Amino acid sequence: MKKIFLVAVLAVFALGAKAQIGEKVIMPKLGYQTEFERFSLGVEGRYSLTENIRLAPGVTFFFPKDHVTGLDVDVNVHYVFPIQSGLSLYPFVGGAMLNNRFSHDGFPTSKDTSFGFNIGGGAQYDVTSNGYVNFEFKYTFVEGTDPAYFTLGYGIKF
């Protein structure tokens, strides 16, 4: 799986011909994970490597449900397609580390950490010169479970 991830990242980088120092964005986001049917709160950073390619690391906390709490860390590479003024769409690939803690009566009983491969897409719409609304769908391939995620965020450019 590591080789597939490396080839995918290199292919995305090869598509970007123009090297341009890009914008930096911090994006708080709310979401929903289908596997454990729980809500999430996260933050993602974004850094444009070229005109169309950006790196997007993020951390997401999953609220407890059925005695399971989660914390995911992922890094994705987006390829941004500007559609019209203020609207952009992007597919992405990346890697993820999924952490789940199972507890009973407030005491941790077990922990599980797995690594997976992300694939997904998103849309963003500029609402101000320094901010945009973002919607994203992500699917993570990981041994044992394959969760899907829906997130809504607000990107703040600086």
Protein backbone atom coordinates (compact mmCIF):
# COMPACT_ATOMS: atom_id res chain seq x y z
CA MET A 1 0.00 0.00 0.00
CA LYS A 2 2.93 2.35 0.68
CA LYS A 3 4.14 1.95 -2.91
CA ILE A 4 0.67 2.76 -4.30
CA PHE A 5 0.48 5.87 -2.11
CA LEU A 6 3.95 7.02 -3.20
CA VAL A 7 3.16 6.50 -6.91
CA ALA A 8 -0.16 8.39 -6.56
CA VAL A 9 1.51 11.34 -4.81
CA LEU A 10 4.30 11.50 -7.40
CA ALA A 11 1.74 11.38 -10.23
CA VAL A 12 -0.17 14.29 -8.74
CA PHE A 13 3.06 16.29 -8.36
CA ALA A 14 4.03 15.55 -11.97
CA LEU A 15 0.77 17.10 -13.22
CA GLY A 16 1.61 20.53 -11.77
CA ALA A 17 3.95 22.27 -14.19
CA LYS A 18 3.97 25.75 -12.64
CA ALA A 19 5.85 26.27 -9.41
CA GLN A 20 4.23 29.03 -7.38
CA ILE A 21 4.39 29.87 -3.70
CA GLY A 22 0.79 29.52 -2.61
CA GLU A 23 -1.55 30.50 0.13
CA LYS A 24 -1.74 29.09 3.63
CA VAL A 25 -5.12 28.16 5.09
CA ILE A 26 -6.37 26.93 8.45
CA MET A 27 -9.77 25.28 8.37
CA PRO A 28 -11.90 24.24 11.34
CA LYS A 29 -14.42 21.60 10.28
CA LEU A 30 -17.38 19.55 11.46
CA GLY A 31 -18.09 16.11 10.11
CA TYR A 32 -19.71 12.71 10.26
CA GLN A 33 -18.12 9.27 10.04
CA THR A 34 -20.25 6.45 8.66
CA GLU A 35 -18.47 3.43 10.18
CA PHE A 36 -19.19 4.20 13.84
CA GLU A 37 -21.98 6.71 13.02
CA ARG A 38 -20.42 9.53 15.01
CA PHE A 39 -19.81 13.24 14.66
CA SER A 40 -16.41 14.89 14.51
CA LEU A 41 -14.61 18.15 15.10
CA GLY A 42 -11.32 18.81 13.37
CA VAL A 43 -8.81 21.24 11.99
CA GLU A 44 -6.93 21.10 8.73
CA GLY A 45 -4.04 23.12 7.40
CA ARG A 46 -3.54 23.71 3.71
CA TYR A 47 -0.46 24.89 1.86
CA SER A 48 -0.39 25.44 -1.91
CA LEU A 49 2.75 23.89 -3.37
CA THR A 50 1.93 25.03 -6.92
CA GLU A 51 -0.95 26.79 -8.63
CA ASN A 52 -3.11 23.64 -8.51
CA ILE A 53 -1.48 21.31 -5.97
CA ARG A 54 -1.76 21.70 -2.23
CA LEU A 55 -0.81 19.69 0.82
CA ALA A 56 -3.51 19.26 3.49
CA PRO A 57 -2.59 17.72 6.87
CA GLY A 58 -5.37 17.43 9.44
CA VAL A 59 -6.43 16.14 12.85
CA THR A 60 -9.99 15.03 13.64
CA PHE A 61 -11.56 14.15 17.00
CA PHE A 62 -14.60 11.84 16.98
CA PHE A 63 -17.12 12.27 19.76
CA PRO A 64 -17.81 9.14 21.81
CA LYS A 65 -20.56 6.81 20.65
CA ASP A 66 -21.17 3.29 21.95
CA HIS A 67 -18.07 3.62 24.16
CA VAL A 68 -15.76 4.41 21.20
CA THR A 69 -13.78 7.67 20.89
CA GLY A 70 -11.54 8.41 17.92
CA LEU A 71 -8.68 10.62 16.84
CA ASP A 72 -7.54 10.53 13.21
CA VAL A 73 -4.47 12.15 11.69
CA ASP A 74 -4.16 12.39 7.92
CA VAL A 75 -2.21 14.06 5.13
CA ASN A 76 -3.78 14.51 1.71
CA VAL A 77 -2.65 15.99 -1.59
CA HIS A 78 -5.33 18.00 -3.46
CA TYR A 79 -5.39 18.87 -7.15
CA VAL A 80 -7.54 22.01 -7.42
CA PHE A 81 -9.64 22.78 -10.50
CA PRO A 82 -10.94 26.38 -10.56
CA ILE A 83 -14.43 26.11 -12.09
CA GLN A 84 -15.69 29.69 -12.05
CA SER A 85 -15.13 32.81 -10.00
CA GLY A 86 -14.93 31.68 -6.38
CA LEU A 87 -15.79 27.99 -6.97
CA SER A 88 -13.18 25.22 -7.07
CA LEU A 89 -13.41 21.43 -7.09
CA TYR A 90 -10.64 19.05 -6.11
CA PRO A 91 -9.95 15.31 -5.98
CA PHE A 92 -7.38 14.08 -3.47
CA VAL A 93 -5.34 11.12 -2.28
CA GLY A 94 -3.46 10.64 0.96
CA GLY A 95 -2.67 8.58 3.99
CA ALA A 96 -4.35 8.29 7.37
CA MET A 97 -3.69 7.05 10.88
CA LEU A 98 -6.94 6.05 12.60
CA ASN A 99 -7.02 5.74 16.38
CA ASN A 100 -9.97 4.38 18.36
CA ARG A 101 -10.25 3.99 22.11
CA PHE A 102 -12.85 1.67 23.53
CA SER A 103 -13.94 2.32 27.10
CA HIS A 104 -16.45 1.00 29.59
CA ASP A 105 -17.68 2.93 32.63
CA GLY A 106 -15.21 5.70 31.83
CA PHE A 107 -12.16 3.42 31.92
CA PRO A 108 -10.22 2.59 28.74
CA THR A 109 -10.44 -1.10 27.89
CA SER A 110 -8.54 -1.21 24.60
CA LYS A 111 -6.99 0.92 21.88
CA ASP A 112 -6.66 0.35 18.16
CA THR A 113 -4.40 2.18 15.69
CA SER A 114 -4.53 1.46 11.96
CA PHE A 115 -3.10 3.01 8.84
CA GLY A 116 -5.08 3.59 5.67
CA PHE A 117 -5.24 5.16 2.22
CA ASN A 118 -7.57 8.15 1.60
CA ILE A 119 -9.34 9.01 -1.62
CA GLY A 120 -12.00 11.65 -2.03
CA GLY A 121 -13.07 14.99 -3.36
CA GLY A 122 -14.29 18.36 -2.29
CA ALA A 123 -15.64 21.74 -3.26
CA GLN A 124 -14.87 25.19 -1.95
CA TYR A 125 -16.61 28.50 -2.52
CA ASP A 126 -15.06 31.87 -1.66
CA VAL A 127 -17.37 33.93 0.56
CA THR A 128 -14.83 36.66 1.32
CA SER A 129 -11.35 37.53 0.04
CA ASN A 130 -9.88 35.74 3.07
CA GLY A 131 -12.31 32.87 3.60
CA TYR A 132 -14.26 30.09 1.96
CA VAL A 133 -16.85 27.44 2.74
CA ASN A 134 -15.67 23.89 2.09
CA PHE A 135 -17.48 20.56 1.66
CA GLU A 136 -15.57 17.29 1.41
CA PHE A 137 -16.20 13.57 1.03
CA LYS A 138 -13.45 11.10 1.93
CA TYR A 139 -13.24 7.32 1.89
CA THR A 140 -10.46 5.57 3.81
CA PHE A 141 -9.31 2.07 2.88
CA VAL A 142 -8.07 0.38 6.04
CA GLU A 143 -7.94 -3.24 7.17
CA GLY A 144 -11.11 -4.29 8.99
CA THR A 145 -13.20 -1.17 8.33
CA ASP A 146 -13.58 1.22 5.43
CA PRO A 147 -15.11 4.41 6.83
CA ALA A 148 -16.52 7.25 4.75
CA TYR A 149 -16.51 10.85 6.00
CA PHE A 150 -18.52 13.96 5.18
CA THR A 151 -17.16 17.30 6.41
CA LEU A 152 -18.13 20.93 6.27
CA GLY A 153 -15.53 23.58 7.08
CA TYR A 154 -14.56 27.21 6.82
CA GLY A 155 -11.11 27.97 5.42
CA ILE A 156 -9.33 31.08 6.68
CA LYS A 157 -6.54 32.32 4.40
CA PHE A 158 -3.49 34.05 5.84
